[in-house]
Amino acid sequence: MSDNPDTTAKRPQQVYTLLVELGRSPDDGLPKGATGAGLLLYATGVDEAEAVRESVAVLKTAGVAPLNVTSYGTLDERLAAGDTIPEEERDLMARALTENAVIVAQKTWFNDDDSD
């Protein structure tokens, strides 16, 4: 029997690149005429599922309506897949890890108007 009651090793936080599609909600702050939005996020978690759960929780607290989340993995996973990651993107990932936060890197509004 171990003298240490906590025998589980603490898993380190990682940063995941997530694309979140948003629908409309009453107080979402999206521009008039927008039908939704897409957010590119960097979010921390001990695994992908935790990063997704935490991101959705933060977004719901902010009054937006997450509909779908697509994960592109960690920095190492993206590099292994052949992605080129610019330094500014790496800096945002590092910030998310340091602050244990969800960082919105890019937002795109969706609308039904094809002229935009």
PDB file of N, CA and C in Angstrom:
ATOM      1  N   MET A   1       0.847  -1.175   0.000  1.00  0.00           N
ATOM      2  CA  MET A   1       0.000   0.000   0.000  1.00  0.00           C
ATOM      3  C   MET A   1       0.889   1.233   0.000  1.00  0.00           C
ATOM      4  N   SER A   2       0.576   2.202  -0.776  1.00  0.00           N
ATOM      5  CA  SER A   2       1.351   3.430  -0.911  1.00  0.00           C
ATOM      6  C   SER A   2       1.050   4.396   0.229  1.00  0.00           C
ATOM      7  N   ASP A   3       2.077   5.138   0.630  1.00  0.00           N
ATOM      8  CA  ASP A   3       1.877   6.177   1.650  1.00  0.00           C
ATOM      9  C   ASP A   3       1.143   7.382   1.083  1.00  0.00           C
ATOM     10  N   ASN A   4       1.181   7.552  -0.217  1.00  0.00           N
ATOM     11  CA  ASN A   4       0.556   8.688  -0.886  1.00  0.00           C
ATOM     12  C   ASN A   4      -0.863   8.297  -1.312  1.00  0.00           C
ATOM     13  N   PRO A   5      -1.896   8.919  -0.710  1.00  0.00           N
ATOM     14  CA  PRO A   5      -3.268   8.552  -1.069  1.00  0.00           C
ATOM     15  C   PRO A   5      -3.634   8.947  -2.493  1.00  0.00           C
ATOM     16  N   ASP A   6      -2.971   9.942  -3.048  1.00  0.00           N
ATOM     17  CA  ASP A   6      -3.274  10.380  -4.413  1.00  0.00           C
ATOM     18  C   ASP A   6      -2.250   9.753  -5.351  1.00  0.00           C
ATOM     19  N   THR A   7      -2.568   8.590  -5.885  1.00  0.00           N
ATOM     20  CA  THR A   7      -1.630   7.871  -6.744  1.00  0.00           C
ATOM     21  C   THR A   7      -1.836   8.186  -8.219  1.00  0.00           C
ATOM     22  N   THR A   8      -2.824   9.009  -8.546  1.00  0.00           N
ATOM     23  CA  THR A   8      -3.053   9.365  -9.939  1.00  0.00           C
ATOM     24  C   THR A   8      -2.138  10.515 -10.329  1.00  0.00           C
ATOM     25  N   ALA A   9      -1.475  10.342 -11.446  1.00  0.00           N
ATOM     26  CA  ALA A   9      -0.595  11.392 -11.942  1.00  0.00           C
ATOM     27  C   ALA A   9      -1.435  12.474 -12.609  1.00  0.00           C
ATOM     28  N   LYS A  10      -1.086  13.709 -12.350  1.00  0.00           N
ATOM     29  CA  LYS A  10      -1.800  14.827 -12.954  1.00  0.00           C
ATOM     30  C   LYS A  10      -1.358  14.958 -14.415  1.00  0.00           C
ATOM     31  N   ARG A  11      -2.322  14.942 -15.309  1.00  0.00           N
ATOM     32  CA  ARG A  11      -2.015  15.060 -16.740  1.00  0.00           C
ATOM     33  C   ARG A  11      -1.827  16.530 -17.101  1.00  0.00           C
ATOM     34  N   PRO A  12      -0.863  16.815 -17.934  1.00  0.00           N
ATOM     35  CA  PRO A  12      -0.616  18.221 -18.294  1.00  0.00           C
ATOM     36  C   PRO A  12      -1.690  18.763 -19.232  1.00  0.00           C
ATOM     37  N   GLN A  13      -1.908  20.065 -19.124  1.00  0.00           N
ATOM     38  CA  GLN A  13      -2.816  20.762 -20.037  1.00  0.00           C
ATOM     39  C   GLN A  13      -2.174  20.814 -21.424  1.00  0.00           C
ATOM     40  N   GLN A  14      -3.009  20.741 -22.445  1.00  0.00           N
ATOM     41  CA  GLN A  14      -2.583  20.916 -23.821  1.00  0.00           C
ATOM     42  C   GLN A  14      -3.501  21.953 -24.461  1.00  0.00           C
ATOM     43  N   VAL A  15      -3.080  22.491 -25.575  1.00  0.00           N
ATOM     44  CA  VAL A  15      -3.901  23.466 -26.300  1.00  0.00           C
ATOM     45  C   VAL A  15      -4.428  22.807 -27.571  1.00  0.00           C
ATOM     46  N   TYR A  16      -5.722  22.944 -27.782  1.00  0.00           N
ATOM     47  CA  TYR A  16      -6.390  22.382 -28.954  1.00  0.00           C
ATOM     48  C   TYR A  16      -6.912  23.510 -29.827  1.00  0.00           C
ATOM     49  N   THR A  17      -6.821  23.316 -31.133  1.00  0.00           N
ATOM     50  CA  THR A  17      -7.390  24.252 -32.096  1.00  0.00           C
ATOM     51  C   THR A  17      -8.799  23.778 -32.400  1.00  0.00           C
ATOM     52  N   LEU A  18      -9.775  24.651 -32.146  1.00  0.00           N
ATOM     53  CA  LEU A  18     -11.183  24.295 -32.325  1.00  0.00           C
ATOM     54  C   LEU A  18     -11.872  25.290 -33.253  1.00  0.00           C
ATOM     55  N   LEU A  19     -12.740  24.782 -34.096  1.00  0.00           N
ATOM     56  CA  LEU A  19     -13.613  25.617 -34.918  1.00  0.00           C
ATOM     57  C   LEU A  19     -15.025  25.417 -34.400  1.00  0.00           C
ATOM     58  N   VAL A  20     -15.654  26.503 -33.931  1.00  0.00           N
ATOM     59  CA  VAL A  20     -16.990  26.430 -33.350  1.00  0.00           C
ATOM     60  C   VAL A  20     -17.966  27.183 -34.244  1.00  0.00           C
ATOM     61  N   GLU A  21     -19.032  26.500 -34.630  1.00  0.00           N
ATOM     62  CA  GLU A  21     -20.102  27.134 -35.394  1.00  0.00           C
ATOM     63  C   GLU A  21     -21.174  27.578 -34.408  1.00  0.00           C
ATOM     64  N   LEU A  22     -21.610  28.833 -34.557  1.00  0.00           N
ATOM     65  CA  LEU A  22     -22.614  29.407 -33.667  1.00  0.00           C
ATOM     66  C   LEU A  22     -23.919  29.650 -34.411  1.00  0.00           C
ATOM     67  N   GLY A  23     -25.015  29.413 -33.710  1.00  0.00           N
ATOM     68  CA  GLY A  23     -26.328  29.816 -34.197  1.00  0.00           C
ATOM     69  C   GLY A  23     -26.671  31.149 -33.550  1.00  0.00           C
ATOM     70  N   ARG A  24     -27.888  31.582 -33.725  1.00  0.00           N
ATOM     71  CA  ARG A  24     -28.335  32.838 -33.122  1.00  0.00           C
ATOM     72  C   ARG A  24     -28.973  32.584 -31.768  1.00  0.00           C
ATOM     73  N   SER A  25     -28.820  33.546 -30.875  1.00  0.00           N
ATOM     74  CA  SER A  25     -29.512  33.554 -29.590  1.00  0.00           C
ATOM     75  C   SER A  25     -29.841  35.013 -29.287  1.00  0.00           C
ATOM     76  N   PRO A  26     -30.799  35.252 -28.391  1.00  0.00           N
ATOM     77  CA  PRO A  26     -31.289  36.620 -28.185  1.00  0.00           C
ATOM     78  C   PRO A  26     -30.214  37.664 -27.846  1.00  0.00           C
ATOM     79  N   ASP A  27     -29.259  37.349 -27.027  1.00  0.00           N
ATOM     80  CA  ASP A  27     -28.263  38.340 -26.596  1.00  0.00           C
ATOM     81  C   ASP A  27     -26.855  37.987 -27.064  1.00  0.00           C
ATOM     82  N   ASP A  28     -26.734  37.468 -28.297  1.00  0.00           N
ATOM     83  CA  ASP A  28     -25.438  36.974 -28.752  1.00  0.00           C
ATOM     84  C   ASP A  28     -24.475  38.054 -29.240  1.00  0.00           C
ATOM     85  N   GLY A  29     -24.973  39.255 -29.496  1.00  0.00           N
ATOM     86  CA  GLY A  29     -24.092  40.327 -29.946  1.00  0.00           C
ATOM     87  C   GLY A  29     -23.647  40.222 -31.398  1.00  0.00           C
ATOM     88  N   LEU A  30     -24.205  39.283 -32.145  1.00  0.00           N
ATOM     89  CA  LEU A  30     -23.860  39.171 -33.563  1.00  0.00           C
ATOM     90  C   LEU A  30     -24.508  40.315 -34.332  1.00  0.00           C
ATOM     91  N   PRO A  31     -23.916  40.709 -35.449  1.00  0.00           N
ATOM     92  CA  PRO A  31     -24.478  41.818 -36.229  1.00  0.00           C
ATOM     93  C   PRO A  31     -25.891  41.508 -36.736  1.00  0.00           C
ATOM     94  N   LYS A  32     -26.672  42.566 -36.896  1.00  0.00           N
ATOM     95  CA  LYS A  32     -28.016  42.415 -37.449  1.00  0.00           C
ATOM     96  C   LYS A  32     -27.889  41.785 -38.827  1.00  0.00           C
ATOM     97  N   GLY A  33     -28.711  40.803 -39.099  1.00  0.00           N
ATOM     98  CA  GLY A  33     -28.682  40.122 -40.380  1.00  0.00           C
ATOM     99  C   GLY A  33     -27.801  38.879 -40.401  1.00  0.00           C
ATOM    100  N   ALA A  34     -26.967  38.714 -39.392  1.00  0.00           N
ATOM    101  CA  ALA A  34     -26.131  37.517 -39.341  1.00  0.00           C
ATOM    102  C   ALA A  34     -27.003  36.313 -38.999  1.00  0.00           C
ATOM    103  N   THR A  35     -26.704  35.192 -39.636  1.00  0.00           N
ATOM    104  CA  THR A  35     -27.434  33.963 -39.340  1.00  0.00           C
ATOM    105  C   THR A  35     -26.660  33.082 -38.358  1.00  0.00           C
ATOM    106  N   GLY A  36     -25.446  33.458 -38.072  1.00  0.00           N
ATOM    107  CA  GLY A  36     -24.590  32.713 -37.161  1.00  0.00           C
ATOM    108  C   GLY A  36     -23.168  33.186 -37.317  1.00  0.00           C
ATOM    109  N   ALA A  37     -22.236  32.396 -36.805  1.00  0.00           N
ATOM    110  CA  ALA A  37     -20.826  32.773 -36.880  1.00  0.00           C
ATOM    111  C   ALA A  37     -19.955  31.538 -36.751  1.00  0.00           C
ATOM    112  N   GLY A  38     -18.720  31.703 -37.127  1.00  0.00           N
ATOM    113  CA  GLY A  38     -17.694  30.690 -36.913  1.00  0.00           C
ATOM    114  C   GLY A  38     -16.586  31.308 -36.095  1.00  0.00           C
ATOM    115  N   LEU A  39     -16.123  30.598 -35.087  1.00  0.00           N
ATOM    116  CA  LEU A  39     -15.039  31.074 -34.230  1.00  0.00           C
ATOM    117  C   LEU A  39     -13.895  30.079 -34.275  1.00  0.00           C
ATOM    118  N   LEU A  40     -12.697  30.564 -34.515  1.00  0.00           N
ATOM    119  CA  LEU A  40     -11.496  29.748 -34.398  1.00  0.00           C
ATOM    120  C   LEU A  40     -10.935  30.005 -33.013  1.00  0.00           C
ATOM    121  N   LEU A  41     -10.836  28.937 -32.208  1.00  0.00           N
ATOM    122  CA  LEU A  41     -10.414  29.062 -30.815  1.00  0.00           C
ATOM    123  C   LEU A  41      -9.159  28.249 -30.544  1.00  0.00           C
ATOM    124  N   TYR A  42      -8.424  28.693 -29.536  1.00  0.00           N
ATOM    125  CA  TYR A  42      -7.372  27.883 -28.926  1.00  0.00           C
ATOM    126  C   TYR A  42      -7.814  27.671 -27.494  1.00  0.00           C
ATOM    127  N   ALA A  43      -7.983  26.413 -27.099  1.00  0.00           N
ATOM    128  CA  ALA A  43      -8.533  26.099 -25.785  1.00  0.00           C
ATOM    129  C   ALA A  43      -7.703  25.024 -25.107  1.00  0.00           C
ATOM    130  N   THR A  44      -7.574  25.149 -23.792  1.00  0.00           N
ATOM    131  CA  THR A  44      -6.787  24.189 -23.032  1.00  0.00           C
ATOM    132  C   THR A  44      -7.654  23.064 -22.484  1.00  0.00           C
ATOM    133  N   GLY A  45      -6.998  21.934 -22.247  1.00  0.00           N
ATOM    134  CA  GLY A  45      -7.639  20.793 -21.615  1.00  0.00           C
ATOM    135  C   GLY A  45      -6.633  19.678 -21.447  1.00  0.00           C
ATOM    136  N   VAL A  46      -6.908  18.776 -20.525  1.00  0.00           N
ATOM    137  CA  VAL A  46      -6.027  17.619 -20.379  1.00  0.00           C
ATOM    138  C   VAL A  46      -6.249  16.634 -21.518  1.00  0.00           C
ATOM    139  N   ASP A  47      -7.378  16.783 -22.195  1.00  0.00           N
ATOM    140  CA  ASP A  47      -7.657  16.021 -23.405  1.00  0.00           C
ATOM    141  C   ASP A  47      -8.613  16.845 -24.273  1.00  0.00           C
ATOM    142  N   GLU A  48      -8.847  16.342 -25.465  1.00  0.00           N
ATOM    143  CA  GLU A  48      -9.689  17.065 -26.415  1.00  0.00           C
ATOM    144  C   GLU A  48     -11.104  17.272 -25.886  1.00  0.00           C
ATOM    145  N   ALA A  49     -11.668  16.256 -25.262  1.00  0.00           N
ATOM    146  CA  ALA A  49     -13.039  16.360 -24.750  1.00  0.00           C
ATOM    147  C   ALA A  49     -13.162  17.472 -23.717  1.00  0.00           C
ATOM    148  N   GLU A  50     -12.173  17.596 -22.835  1.00  0.00           N
ATOM    149  CA  GLU A  50     -12.230  18.658 -21.835  1.00  0.00           C
ATOM    150  C   GLU A  50     -12.118  20.034 -22.490  1.00  0.00           C
ATOM    151  N   ALA A  51     -11.247  20.173 -23.474  1.00  0.00           N
ATOM    152  CA  ALA A  51     -11.101  21.455 -24.172  1.00  0.00           C
ATOM    153  C   ALA A  51     -12.416  21.858 -24.838  1.00  0.00           C
ATOM    154  N   VAL A  52     -13.095  20.895 -25.446  1.00  0.00           N
ATOM    155  CA  VAL A  52     -14.382  21.169 -26.091  1.00  0.00           C
ATOM    156  C   VAL A  52     -15.424  21.549 -25.040  1.00  0.00           C
ATOM    157  N   ARG A  53     -15.529  20.780 -23.967  1.00  0.00           N
ATOM    158  CA  ARG A  53     -16.523  21.072 -22.913  1.00  0.00           C
ATOM    159  C   ARG A  53     -16.312  22.464 -22.323  1.00  0.00           C
ATOM    160  N   GLU A  54     -15.055  22.782 -22.007  1.00  0.00           N
ATOM    161  CA  GLU A  54     -14.757  24.083 -21.411  1.00  0.00           C
ATOM    162  C   GLU A  54     -15.065  25.218 -22.381  1.00  0.00           C
ATOM    163  N   SER A  55     -14.744  25.037 -23.642  1.00  0.00           N
ATOM    164  CA  SER A  55     -15.018  26.069 -24.647  1.00  0.00           C
ATOM    165  C   SER A  55     -16.510  26.311 -24.793  1.00  0.00           C
ATOM    166  N   VAL A  56     -17.280  25.243 -24.888  1.00  0.00           N
ATOM    167  CA  VAL A  56     -18.736  25.371 -25.020  1.00  0.00           C
ATOM    168  C   VAL A  56     -19.311  26.060 -23.784  1.00  0.00           C
ATOM    169  N   ALA A  57     -18.829  25.702 -22.608  1.00  0.00           N
ATOM    170  CA  ALA A  57     -19.319  26.331 -21.373  1.00  0.00           C
ATOM    171  C   ALA A  57     -19.023  27.826 -21.355  1.00  0.00           C
ATOM    172  N   VAL A  58     -17.817  28.213 -21.758  1.00  0.00           N
ATOM    173  CA  VAL A  58     -17.448  29.633 -21.792  1.00  0.00           C
ATOM    174  C   VAL A  58     -18.320  30.379 -22.801  1.00  0.00           C
ATOM    175  N   LEU A  59     -18.524  29.796 -23.964  1.00  0.00           N
ATOM    176  CA  LEU A  59     -19.328  30.450 -24.992  1.00  0.00           C
ATOM    177  C   LEU A  59     -20.784  30.598 -24.557  1.00  0.00           C
ATOM    178  N   LYS A  60     -21.335  29.585 -23.913  1.00  0.00           N
ATOM    179  CA  LYS A  60     -22.719  29.681 -23.426  1.00  0.00           C
ATOM    180  C   LYS A  60     -22.829  30.763 -22.356  1.00  0.00           C
ATOM    181  N   THR A  61     -21.823  30.878 -21.502  1.00  0.00           N
ATOM    182  CA  THR A  61     -21.807  31.932 -20.485  1.00  0.00           C
ATOM    183  C   THR A  61     -21.796  33.311 -21.139  1.00  0.00           C
ATOM    184  N   ALA A  62     -21.157  33.404 -22.309  1.00  0.00           N
ATOM    185  CA  ALA A  62     -21.083  34.667 -23.043  1.00  0.00           C
ATOM    186  C   ALA A  62     -22.371  34.963 -23.814  1.00  0.00           C
ATOM    187  N   GLY A  63     -23.348  34.053 -23.768  1.00  0.00           N
ATOM    188  CA  GLY A  63     -24.633  34.307 -24.398  1.00  0.00           C
ATOM    189  C   GLY A  63     -24.733  33.891 -25.852  1.00  0.00           C
ATOM    190  N   VAL A  64     -23.774  33.115 -26.339  1.00  0.00           N
ATOM    191  CA  VAL A  64     -23.852  32.645 -27.726  1.00  0.00           C
ATOM    192  C   VAL A  64     -24.311  31.190 -27.743  1.00  0.00           C
ATOM    193  N   ALA A  65     -24.675  30.719 -28.926  1.00  0.00           N
ATOM    194  CA  ALA A  65     -25.267  29.389 -29.068  1.00  0.00           C
ATOM    195  C   ALA A  65     -24.379  28.473 -29.911  1.00  0.00           C
ATOM    196  N   PRO A  66     -23.440  27.760 -29.279  1.00  0.00           N
ATOM    197  CA  PRO A  66     -22.597  26.822 -30.037  1.00  0.00           C
ATOM    198  C   PRO A  66     -23.439  25.682 -30.613  1.00  0.00           C
ATOM    199  N   LEU A  67     -23.261  25.417 -31.899  1.00  0.00           N
ATOM    200  CA  LEU A  67     -24.000  24.347 -32.561  1.00  0.00           C
ATOM    201  C   LEU A  67     -23.122  23.135 -32.834  1.00  0.00           C
ATOM    202  N   ASN A  68     -21.878  23.390 -33.242  1.00  0.00           N
ATOM    203  CA  ASN A  68     -20.990  22.315 -33.646  1.00  0.00           C
ATOM    204  C   ASN A  68     -19.552  22.714 -33.336  1.00  0.00           C
ATOM    205  N   VAL A  69     -18.750  21.747 -32.901  1.00  0.00           N
ATOM    206  CA  VAL A  69     -17.336  21.988 -32.631  1.00  0.00           C
ATOM    207  C   VAL A  69     -16.521  20.965 -33.405  1.00  0.00           C
ATOM    208  N   THR A  70     -15.549  21.458 -34.164  1.00  0.00           N
ATOM    209  CA  THR A  70     -14.614  20.600 -34.874  1.00  0.00           C
ATOM    210  C   THR A  70     -13.235  20.842 -34.291  1.00  0.00           C
ATOM    211  N   SER A  71     -12.554  19.764 -33.908  1.00  0.00           N
ATOM    212  CA  SER A  71     -11.209  19.896 -33.363  1.00  0.00           C
ATOM    213  C   SER A  71     -10.182  19.569 -34.433  1.00  0.00           C
ATOM    214  N   TYR A  72      -9.134  20.387 -34.475  1.00  0.00           N
ATOM    215  CA  TYR A  72      -8.018  20.136 -35.379  1.00  0.00           C
ATOM    216  C   TYR A  72      -6.808  19.623 -34.620  1.00  0.00           C
ATOM    217  N   GLY A  73      -6.974  19.381 -33.308  1.00  0.00           N
ATOM    218  CA  GLY A  73      -5.924  18.759 -32.513  1.00  0.00           C
ATOM    219  C   GLY A  73      -4.978  19.745 -31.867  1.00  0.00           C
ATOM    220  N   THR A  74      -3.921  19.189 -31.284  1.00  0.00           N
ATOM    221  CA  THR A  74      -2.886  19.980 -30.621  1.00  0.00           C
ATOM    222  C   THR A  74      -1.881  20.484 -31.644  1.00  0.00           C
ATOM    223  N   LEU A  75      -0.981  21.319 -31.206  1.00  0.00           N
ATOM    224  CA  LEU A  75       0.077  21.819 -32.091  1.00  0.00           C
ATOM    225  C   LEU A  75       0.849  20.652 -32.687  1.00  0.00           C
ATOM    226  N   ASP A  76       1.266  19.711 -31.860  1.00  0.00           N
ATOM    227  CA  ASP A  76       2.032  18.560 -32.352  1.00  0.00           C
ATOM    228  C   ASP A  76       1.234  17.740 -33.362  1.00  0.00           C
ATOM    229  N   GLU A  77      -0.056  17.545 -33.104  1.00  0.00           N
ATOM    230  CA  GLU A  77      -0.902  16.796 -34.034  1.00  0.00           C
ATOM    231  C   GLU A  77      -1.051  17.534 -35.361  1.00  0.00           C
ATOM    232  N   ARG A  78      -1.188  18.840 -35.295  1.00  0.00           N
ATOM    233  CA  ARG A  78      -1.317  19.628 -36.523  1.00  0.00           C
ATOM    234  C   ARG A  78      -0.028  19.609 -37.327  1.00  0.00           C
ATOM    235  N   LEU A  79       1.109  19.721 -36.637  1.00  0.00           N
ATOM    236  CA  LEU A  79       2.395  19.658 -37.329  1.00  0.00           C
ATOM    237  C   LEU A  79       2.596  18.287 -37.978  1.00  0.00           C
ATOM    238  N   ALA A  80       2.221  17.222 -37.273  1.00  0.00           N
ATOM    239  CA  ALA A  80       2.340  15.865 -37.813  1.00  0.00           C
ATOM    240  C   ALA A  80       1.453  15.679 -39.044  1.00  0.00           C
ATOM    241  N   ALA A  81       0.341  16.422 -39.101  1.00  0.00           N
ATOM    242  CA  ALA A  81      -0.573  16.351 -40.242  1.00  0.00           C
ATOM    243  C   ALA A  81      -0.086  17.204 -41.413  1.00  0.00           C
ATOM    244  N   GLY A  82       1.014  17.930 -41.206  1.00  0.00           N
ATOM    245  CA  GLY A  82       1.573  18.740 -42.283  1.00  0.00           C
ATOM    246  C   GLY A  82       1.142  20.190 -42.289  1.00  0.00           C
ATOM    247  N   ASP A  83       0.405  20.636 -41.262  1.00  0.00           N
ATOM    248  CA  ASP A  83      -0.016  22.033 -41.192  1.00  0.00           C
ATOM    249  C   ASP A  83       1.188  22.942 -40.975  1.00  0.00           C
ATOM    250  N   THR A  84       1.131  24.107 -41.572  1.00  0.00           N
ATOM    251  CA  THR A  84       2.112  25.151 -41.314  1.00  0.00           C
ATOM    252  C   THR A  84       1.484  26.094 -40.292  1.00  0.00           C
ATOM    253  N   ILE A  85       2.160  26.285 -39.151  1.00  0.00           N
ATOM    254  CA  ILE A  85       1.611  27.092 -38.065  1.00  0.00           C
ATOM    255  C   ILE A  85       2.442  28.363 -37.934  1.00  0.00           C
ATOM    256  N   PRO A  86       1.888  29.522 -38.310  1.00  0.00           N
ATOM    257  CA  PRO A  86       2.635  30.777 -38.208  1.00  0.00           C
ATOM    258  C   PRO A  86       2.956  31.127 -36.751  1.00  0.00           C
ATOM    259  N   GLU A  87       3.968  31.943 -36.566  1.00  0.00           N
ATOM    260  CA  GLU A  87       4.421  32.318 -35.225  1.00  0.00           C
ATOM    261  C   GLU A  87       3.332  33.006 -34.414  1.00  0.00           C
ATOM    262  N   GLU A  88       2.526  33.863 -35.042  1.00  0.00           N
ATOM    263  CA  GLU A  88       1.462  34.549 -34.292  1.00  0.00           C
ATOM    264  C   GLU A  88       0.420  33.563 -33.771  1.00  0.00           C
ATOM    265  N   GLU A  89       0.169  32.492 -34.517  1.00  0.00           N
ATOM    266  CA  GLU A  89      -0.754  31.457 -34.064  1.00  0.00           C
ATOM    267  C   GLU A  89      -0.145  30.679 -32.891  1.00  0.00           C
ATOM    268  N   ARG A  90       1.139  30.380 -32.992  1.00  0.00           N
ATOM    269  CA  ARG A  90       1.841  29.700 -31.893  1.00  0.00           C
ATOM    270  C   ARG A  90       1.831  30.566 -30.629  1.00  0.00           C
ATOM    271  N   ASP A  91       1.967  31.887 -30.817  1.00  0.00           N
ATOM    272  CA  ASP A  91       1.936  32.805 -29.666  1.00  0.00           C
ATOM    273  C   ASP A  91       0.576  32.763 -28.967  1.00  0.00           C
ATOM    274  N   LEU A  92      -0.509  32.726 -29.745  1.00  0.00           N
ATOM    275  CA  LEU A  92      -1.847  32.638 -29.157  1.00  0.00           C
ATOM    276  C   LEU A  92      -2.045  31.312 -28.429  1.00  0.00           C
ATOM    277  N   MET A  93      -1.507  30.240 -28.987  1.00  0.00           N
ATOM    278  CA  MET A  93      -1.579  28.931 -28.325  1.00  0.00           C
ATOM    279  C   MET A  93      -0.831  28.966 -26.989  1.00  0.00           C
ATOM    280  N   ALA A  94       0.340  29.582 -27.004  1.00  0.00           N
ATOM    281  CA  ALA A  94       1.139  29.691 -25.773  1.00  0.00           C
ATOM    282  C   ALA A  94       0.391  30.519 -24.732  1.00  0.00           C
ATOM    283  N   ARG A  95      -0.261  31.578 -25.183  1.00  0.00           N
ATOM    284  CA  ARG A  95      -1.040  32.417 -24.263  1.00  0.00           C
ATOM    285  C   ARG A  95      -2.189  31.622 -23.646  1.00  0.00           C
ATOM    286  N   ALA A  96      -2.897  30.840 -24.470  1.00  0.00           N
ATOM    287  CA  ALA A  96      -3.991  30.012 -23.956  1.00  0.00           C
ATOM    288  C   ALA A  96      -3.479  29.051 -22.888  1.00  0.00           C
ATOM    289  N   LEU A  97      -2.315  28.459 -23.126  1.00  0.00           N
ATOM    290  CA  LEU A  97      -1.752  27.517 -22.159  1.00  0.00           C
ATOM    291  C   LEU A  97      -1.336  28.223 -20.876  1.00  0.00           C
ATOM    292  N   THR A  98      -0.660  29.367 -21.011  1.00  0.00           N
ATOM    293  CA  THR A  98      -0.200  30.121 -19.844  1.00  0.00           C
ATOM    294  C   THR A  98      -1.368  30.581 -18.988  1.00  0.00           C
ATOM    295  N   GLU A  99      -2.426  31.058 -19.641  1.00  0.00           N
ATOM    296  CA  GLU A  99      -3.577  31.611 -18.927  1.00  0.00           C
ATOM    297  C   GLU A  99      -4.657  30.570 -18.632  1.00  0.00           C
ATOM    298  N   ASN A 100      -4.439  29.312 -19.100  1.00  0.00           N
ATOM    299  CA  ASN A 100      -5.450  28.264 -18.968  1.00  0.00           C
ATOM    300  C   ASN A 100      -6.802  28.813 -19.428  1.00  0.00           C
ATOM    301  N   ALA A 101      -6.825  29.268 -20.674  1.00  0.00           N
ATOM    302  CA  ALA A 101      -7.954  30.040 -21.171  1.00  0.00           C
ATOM    303  C   ALA A 101      -8.429  29.552 -22.533  1.00  0.00           C
ATOM    304  N   VAL A 102      -9.558  30.103 -22.941  1.00  0.00           N
ATOM    305  CA  VAL A 102     -10.072  29.948 -24.293  1.00  0.00           C
ATOM    306  C   VAL A 102      -9.789  31.265 -25.009  1.00  0.00           C
ATOM    307  N   ILE A 103      -9.017  31.208 -26.072  1.00  0.00           N
ATOM    308  CA  ILE A 103      -8.647  32.401 -26.830  1.00  0.00           C
ATOM    309  C   ILE A 103      -9.351  32.355 -28.186  1.00  0.00           C
ATOM    310  N   VAL A 104     -10.101  33.411 -28.509  1.00  0.00           N
ATOM    311  CA  VAL A 104     -10.737  33.519 -29.824  1.00  0.00           C
ATOM    312  C   VAL A 104      -9.719  34.157 -30.765  1.00  0.00           C
ATOM    313  N   ALA A 105      -9.300  33.397 -31.764  1.00  0.00           N
ATOM    314  CA  ALA A 105      -8.281  33.873 -32.699  1.00  0.00           C
ATOM    315  C   ALA A 105      -8.896  34.532 -33.926  1.00  0.00           C
ATOM    316  N   GLN A 106     -10.086  34.071 -34.322  1.00  0.00           N
ATOM    317  CA  GLN A 106     -10.716  34.604 -35.531  1.00  0.00           C
ATOM    318  C   GLN A 106     -12.217  34.416 -35.426  1.00  0.00           C
ATOM    319  N   LYS A 107     -12.965  35.365 -35.973  1.00  0.00           N
ATOM    320  CA  LYS A 107     -14.424  35.220 -36.024  1.00  0.00           C
ATOM    321  C   LYS A 107     -14.911  35.607 -37.411  1.00  0.00           C
ATOM    322  N   THR A 108     -15.898  34.880 -37.867  1.00  0.00           N
ATOM    323  CA  THR A 108     -16.491  35.113 -39.178  1.00  0.00           C
ATOM    324  C   THR A 108     -18.002  35.075 -39.016  1.00  0.00           C
ATOM    325  N   TRP A 109     -18.684  36.130 -39.478  1.00  0.00           N
ATOM    326  CA  TRP A 109     -20.145  36.170 -39.411  1.00  0.00           C
ATOM    327  C   TRP A 109     -20.700  35.469 -40.630  1.00  0.00           C
ATOM    328  N   PHE A 110     -21.795  34.760 -40.442  1.00  0.00           N
ATOM    329  CA  PHE A 110     -22.506  34.124 -41.556  1.00  0.00           C
ATOM    330  C   PHE A 110     -23.796  34.886 -41.806  1.00  0.00           C
ATOM    331  N   ASN A 111     -24.173  35.002 -43.090  1.00  0.00           N
ATOM    332  CA  ASN A 111     -25.480  35.562 -43.423  1.00  0.00           C
ATOM    333  C   ASN A 111     -25.965  34.924 -44.699  1.00  0.00           C
ATOM    334  N   ASP A 112     -27.219  35.186 -45.045  1.00  0.00           N
ATOM    335  CA  ASP A 112     -27.827  34.587 -46.235  1.00  0.00           C
ATOM    336  C   ASP A 112     -27.591  35.433 -47.482  1.00  0.00           C
ATOM    337  N   ASP A 113     -26.964  36.580 -47.337  1.00  0.00           N
ATOM    338  CA  ASP A 113     -26.731  37.476 -48.460  1.00  0.00           C
ATOM    339  C   ASP A 113     -25.487  37.037 -49.216  1.00  0.00           C
ATOM    340  N   ASP A 114     -25.656  36.588 -50.460  1.00  0.00           N
ATOM    341  CA  ASP A 114     -24.517  36.102 -51.261  1.00  0.00           C
ATOM    342  C   ASP A 114     -23.604  37.210 -51.754  1.00  0.00           C
ATOM    343  N   SER A 115     -24.004  38.489 -51.587  1.00  0.00           N
ATOM    344  CA  SER A 115     -23.185  39.579 -52.118  1.00  0.00           C
ATOM    345  C   SER A 115     -21.994  39.904 -51.225  1.00  0.00           C
ATOM    346  N   ASP A 116     -21.963  39.418 -49.974  1.00  0.00           N
ATOM    347  CA  ASP A 116     -20.862  39.714 -49.062  1.00  0.00           C
ATOM    348  C   ASP A 116     -19.688  38.785 -49.285  1.00  0.00           C
TER     349      ASP A 116
END
